[in-house]
Protein backbone atom coordinates (compact mmCIF):
# COMPACT_ATOMS: atom_id res chain seq x y z
CA UNK A 1 -11.63 -20.13 -8.68
CA UNK A 2 -15.37 -20.71 -7.65
CA UNK A 3 -17.52 -17.89 -7.71
CA UNK A 4 -20.94 -18.69 -6.34
CA UNK A 5 -23.72 -16.29 -5.75
CA UNK A 6 -25.85 -17.71 -3.33
CA UNK A 7 -29.00 -16.69 -0.77
CA UNK A 8 -27.15 -17.76 2.47
CA UNK A 9 -26.28 -17.04 6.32
CA UNK A 10 -22.63 -17.18 7.69
CA UNK A 11 -21.16 -17.87 11.15
CA UNK A 12 -17.75 -17.42 12.20
CA UNK A 13 -16.89 -19.10 15.37
CA UNK A 14 -13.01 -19.20 17.05
CA UNK A 15 -11.41 -16.22 18.75
CA UNK A 16 -14.44 -14.17 18.08
CA UNK A 17 -17.87 -15.19 16.72
CA UNK A 18 -19.83 -13.33 14.21
CA UNK A 19 -23.25 -13.95 12.26
CA UNK A 20 -24.48 -12.65 8.82
CA UNK A 21 -28.58 -13.20 8.25
CA UNK A 22 -29.70 -14.83 5.55
CA UNK A 23 -29.26 -12.64 2.53
CA UNK A 24 -27.82 -12.71 -1.29
CA UNK A 25 -24.17 -12.70 -1.29
CA UNK A 26 -20.89 -13.78 -3.71
CA UNK A 27 -18.92 -16.49 -2.21
CA UNK A 28 -15.28 -16.45 -3.31
CA UNK A 29 -13.50 -19.58 -2.93
CA UNK A 30 -9.85 -19.32 -4.07
CA UNK A 31 -7.28 -21.73 -5.28
CA UNK A 32 -5.19 -21.22 -2.19
CA UNK A 33 -8.21 -22.17 -0.31
CA UNK A 34 -9.24 -19.12 1.32
CA UNK A 35 -12.99 -18.27 1.32
CA UNK A 36 -14.51 -14.70 0.93
CA UNK A 37 -18.07 -13.30 1.59
CA UNK A 38 -19.14 -10.41 -0.25
CA UNK A 39 -22.02 -8.16 -0.62
CA UNK A 40 -22.99 -5.70 -3.18
CA UNK A 41 -21.64 -2.80 -1.11
CA UNK A 42 -18.62 -2.28 0.82
CA UNK A 43 -16.05 -1.70 -2.01
CA UNK A 44 -13.42 -4.47 -2.15
CA UNK A 45 -13.57 -5.46 1.47
CA UNK A 46 -15.56 -8.66 2.12
CA UNK A 47 -18.10 -9.07 5.11
CA UNK A 48 -16.33 -12.15 6.27
CA UNK A 49 -13.69 -14.51 5.40
CA UNK A 50 -11.07 -17.21 5.89
CA UNK A 51 -7.36 -16.99 5.18
CA UNK A 52 -5.33 -19.95 4.09
CA UNK A 53 -4.28 -22.30 5.37
CA UNK A 54 -7.57 -23.62 5.62
CA UNK A 55 -9.91 -26.37 4.21
CA UNK A 56 -13.38 -26.31 2.71
CA UNK A 57 -15.99 -29.48 3.27
CA UNK A 58 -19.35 -30.01 2.16
CA UNK A 59 -21.18 -31.17 5.29
CA UNK A 60 -24.19 -33.47 5.54
CA UNK A 61 -27.23 -31.70 6.60
CA UNK A 62 -28.92 -32.24 10.02
CA UNK A 63 -32.72 -31.88 10.49
CA UNK A 64 -32.40 -28.47 11.77
CA UNK A 65 -31.09 -27.25 8.46
CA UNK A 66 -33.40 -29.09 6.33
CA UNK A 67 -36.41 -27.86 8.14
CA UNK A 68 -34.90 -24.24 7.57
CA UNK A 69 -34.56 -25.03 3.84
CA UNK A 70 -30.99 -25.39 3.86
CA UNK A 71 -29.65 -26.70 0.47
CA UNK A 72 -25.94 -27.06 1.06
CA UNK A 73 -23.90 -26.37 4.21
CA UNK A 74 -20.00 -25.38 3.79
CA UNK A 75 -17.49 -25.58 6.83
CA UNK A 76 -14.20 -23.84 6.32
CA UNK A 77 -11.88 -24.41 9.17
CA UNK A 78 -8.35 -22.53 9.47
CA UNK A 79 -5.67 -25.57 9.99
CA UNK A 80 -3.57 -23.52 12.63
CA UNK A 81 -5.95 -21.84 14.67
CA UNK A 82 -8.98 -24.04 14.20
CA UNK A 83 -11.32 -21.10 13.58
CA UNK A 84 -14.44 -21.97 11.49
CA UNK A 85 -16.60 -20.63 8.95
CA UNK A 86 -20.16 -22.09 8.54
CA UNK A 87 -21.81 -21.16 5.27
CA UNK A 88 -25.60 -22.31 5.09
CA UNK A 89 -26.75 -21.89 1.56
CA UNK A 90 -30.71 -21.86 0.98
CA UNK A 91 -30.65 -21.34 -2.84
CA UNK A 92 -27.86 -21.37 -5.28
CA UNK A 93 -28.34 -18.79 -7.62
CA UNK A 94 -25.02 -19.21 -9.72
CA UNK A 95 -22.06 -21.48 -9.55
CA UNK A 96 -18.93 -21.10 -11.91
CA UNK A 97 -15.45 -22.19 -11.78
CA UNK A 98 -12.40 -20.33 -13.61
CA UNK A 99 -8.63 -20.78 -13.96
CA UNK A 100 -6.97 -17.87 -13.81
CA UNK A 101 -3.44 -19.09 -14.33
CA UNK A 102 -0.39 -17.35 -12.53
CA UNK A 103 -0.72 -13.90 -11.67
CA UNK A 104 2.22 -11.95 -12.38
CA UNK A 105 1.66 -9.17 -9.38
CA UNK A 106 1.08 -5.85 -9.21
CA UNK A 107 3.47 -3.49 -10.83
CA UNK A 108 3.47 -0.24 -9.09
CA UNK A 109 4.15 3.12 -11.00
CA UNK A 110 5.51 6.29 -9.36
CA UNK A 111 7.12 4.56 -6.48
CA UNK A 112 9.74 6.30 -4.03
CA UNK A 113 12.67 4.14 -6.50
CA UNK A 114 11.01 5.93 -9.66
CA UNK A 115 10.68 9.52 -8.26
CA UNK A 116 14.73 8.96 -7.06
CA UNK A 117 15.70 7.88 -10.70
CA UNK A 118 13.78 10.79 -12.23
CA UNK A 119 15.02 13.47 -10.01
CA UNK A 120 18.36 12.20 -10.16
CA UNK A 121 18.19 12.75 -14.21
CA UNK A 122 16.46 15.87 -13.74
CA UNK A 123 18.53 17.49 -10.99
CA UNK A 124 18.15 21.08 -12.34
CA UNK A 125 14.66 20.89 -10.55
CA UNK A 126 16.32 20.70 -7.35
CA UNK A 127 17.79 24.13 -8.27
CA UNK A 128 18.98 25.85 -11.60
CA UNK A 129 22.52 24.77 -12.26
CA UNK A 130 22.74 22.11 -9.82
CA UNK A 131 24.37 18.71 -10.84
CA UNK A 132 24.46 15.39 -9.23
CA UNK A 133 27.28 14.41 -6.90
CA UNK A 134 26.10 11.01 -5.94
CA UNK A 135 23.08 8.87 -5.17
CA UNK A 136 22.50 7.04 -1.99
CA UNK A 137 24.93 9.22 -0.37
CA UNK A 138 25.99 7.43 2.74
CA UNK A 139 25.87 8.87 6.29
CA UNK A 140 26.45 7.22 9.64
CA UNK A 141 22.89 6.87 9.83
CA UNK A 142 21.95 5.50 6.28
CA UNK A 143 21.94 6.97 3.08
CA UNK A 144 20.69 10.22 1.71
CA UNK A 145 18.72 9.84 -1.61
CA UNK A 146 20.79 12.83 -3.47
CA UNK A 147 23.94 14.72 -2.77
CA UNK A 148 23.74 17.59 -5.01
CA UNK A 149 26.09 20.47 -5.71
CA UNK A 150 24.63 23.74 -6.43
CA UNK A 151 25.98 26.33 -9.26
CA UNK A 152 27.72 27.99 -6.30
CA UNK A 153 29.57 24.88 -4.97
CA UNK A 154 27.43 24.47 -2.13
CA UNK A 155 25.88 20.97 -1.17
CA UNK A 156 22.44 20.04 -1.09
CA UNK A 157 21.07 17.10 0.65
CA UNK A 158 17.72 15.52 -1.15
CA UNK A 159 15.12 13.11 0.33
CA UNK A 160 12.87 11.86 -1.87
CA UNK A 161 9.42 10.64 -0.75
CA UNK A 162 5.89 9.98 -2.34
CA UNK A 163 4.19 11.75 0.67
CA UNK A 164 6.22 13.37 3.41
CA UNK A 165 4.98 13.89 6.84
CA UNK A 166 6.74 14.82 10.04
CA UNK A 167 8.98 11.36 9.93
CA UNK A 168 10.33 12.81 6.45
CA UNK A 169 11.32 16.00 8.06
CA UNK A 170 12.91 14.56 11.10
CA UNK A 171 14.74 11.88 8.81
CA UNK A 172 16.52 14.78 6.64
CA UNK A 173 16.84 17.05 9.78
CA UNK A 174 19.11 14.14 11.21
CA UNK A 175 21.06 13.86 8.15
CA UNK A 176 21.41 17.56 7.90
CA UNK A 177 23.05 17.56 11.50
CA UNK A 178 25.71 15.07 10.55
CA UNK A 179 26.74 16.17 7.36
CA UNK A 180 27.04 19.53 8.69
CA UNK A 181 29.69 18.29 11.02
CA UNK A 182 31.85 17.49 8.04
CA UNK A 183 34.06 20.54 7.14
CA UNK A 184 34.87 19.40 3.53
CA UNK A 185 30.75 19.39 2.81
CA UNK A 186 29.54 22.28 4.98
CA UNK A 187 27.38 24.08 4.69
CA UNK A 188 24.67 21.55 3.45
CA UNK A 189 21.38 22.84 2.66
CA UNK A 190 18.19 20.30 2.90
CA UNK A 191 15.45 19.84 0.52
CA UNK A 192 12.70 17.37 0.99
CA UNK A 193 11.26 16.08 -2.42
CA UNK A 194 7.69 14.79 -2.75
CA UNK A 195 4.41 14.52 -4.47
CA UNK A 196 2.49 15.39 -1.49
CA UNK A 197 3.08 17.05 1.96
CA UNK A 198 1.41 16.74 5.11
CA UNK A 199 0.72 20.49 6.02
CA UNK A 200 2.54 19.82 9.49
CA UNK A 201 5.35 18.68 7.72
CA UNK A 202 5.73 21.58 5.30
CA UNK A 203 5.28 23.97 8.32
CA UNK A 204 8.19 22.25 10.22
CA UNK A 205 10.41 21.95 7.21
CA UNK A 206 10.36 25.77 6.60
CA UNK A 207 10.74 26.38 10.14
CA UNK A 208 13.88 24.52 10.00
CA UNK A 209 15.15 25.90 7.00
CA UNK A 210 14.58 22.99 4.93
CA UNK A 211 13.20 23.41 1.38
CA UNK A 212 9.91 21.59 0.07
CA UNK A 213 9.86 20.55 -3.60
CA UNK A 214 6.54 19.08 -4.82
CA UNK A 215 7.13 16.55 -7.47
CA UNK A 216 4.88 16.12 -10.62
CA UNK A 217 5.70 12.50 -11.42
CA UNK A 218 3.49 12.86 -14.90
CA UNK A 219 5.64 15.83 -15.77
CA UNK A 220 9.09 13.87 -14.96
CA UNK A 221 8.02 11.35 -16.94
CA UNK A 222 7.28 13.49 -20.09
CA UNK A 223 3.61 13.77 -19.66
CA UNK A 224 2.36 17.66 -19.92
CA UNK A 225 0.42 17.95 -16.56
CA UNK A 226 2.42 20.90 -14.95
CA UNK A 227 5.88 21.38 -13.61
CA UNK A 228 7.51 21.13 -10.35
CA UNK A 229 7.16 23.80 -8.06
CA UNK A 230 9.17 25.01 -5.03
CA UNK A 231 7.67 26.30 -1.65
C-alpha cells in the first residue's frame, strides 16, 4: 500500500464529473489497484475514489500543468467502465510504501448466530422451566430459530435477531400461523428475541400477543452487565 500526503486537485470523469480543488489530502493507493482520496474530516469515507479493476499511470506534464505548478499527474482508469480519476500533485509532502500482508478478515462478535447459540444454551431466559425442543425447527416457509417447550408442556416459537424491526414481527407471525395449524403443536406462542427493538416493532408484536425478549449479549457470555428482560 502506498500512502501519499500531497497538495493536490482531483478530477473524476465518466458517468459523472466531479472536481476537488487544490488542497492537502491523503492519497491511498492499495495493492488491489484502487485509489482513495481522503481529507482530514468525513470519518472513513473518501472524498473520491476509483475501485478495482483499475490501473494507475504517471503521465507526462503538459504546458498547462507546468505553468500551474503541477509536479506530478496521476491518471487512474477503470478497466471496464473507462471512468477516470486525474490527480494533479502540486507538492509531495509524504510518500511511503507499506506491505500489510494478508488480512485475516473481520471477525464479528455478537452476530445472530452467536445469539441463537447462546439462547439455546440458556433457554430458561425465554421462560422459567422451559426446555429446548430443537434449533432450526423447519416449517413450510423456513426454519424457526428455536422451538421451545414451556414448563406447562405448551410450545413456544422463538425468532432471534440482533435488531428486530417490523419485518421480524411479520416473519414470526407467519411462522405462528403455520405452526398453530398443527394439532400436535398447538397452541404455539411466539417470542421475538433481540438486542434491540424498533419502537413500532415492539408495539406491533405486543398487539399480536408476541412476547419481546431483550437480550443482553455480554451477560449471556458471562460478562456482568445486566440481565435479559421480558417486555
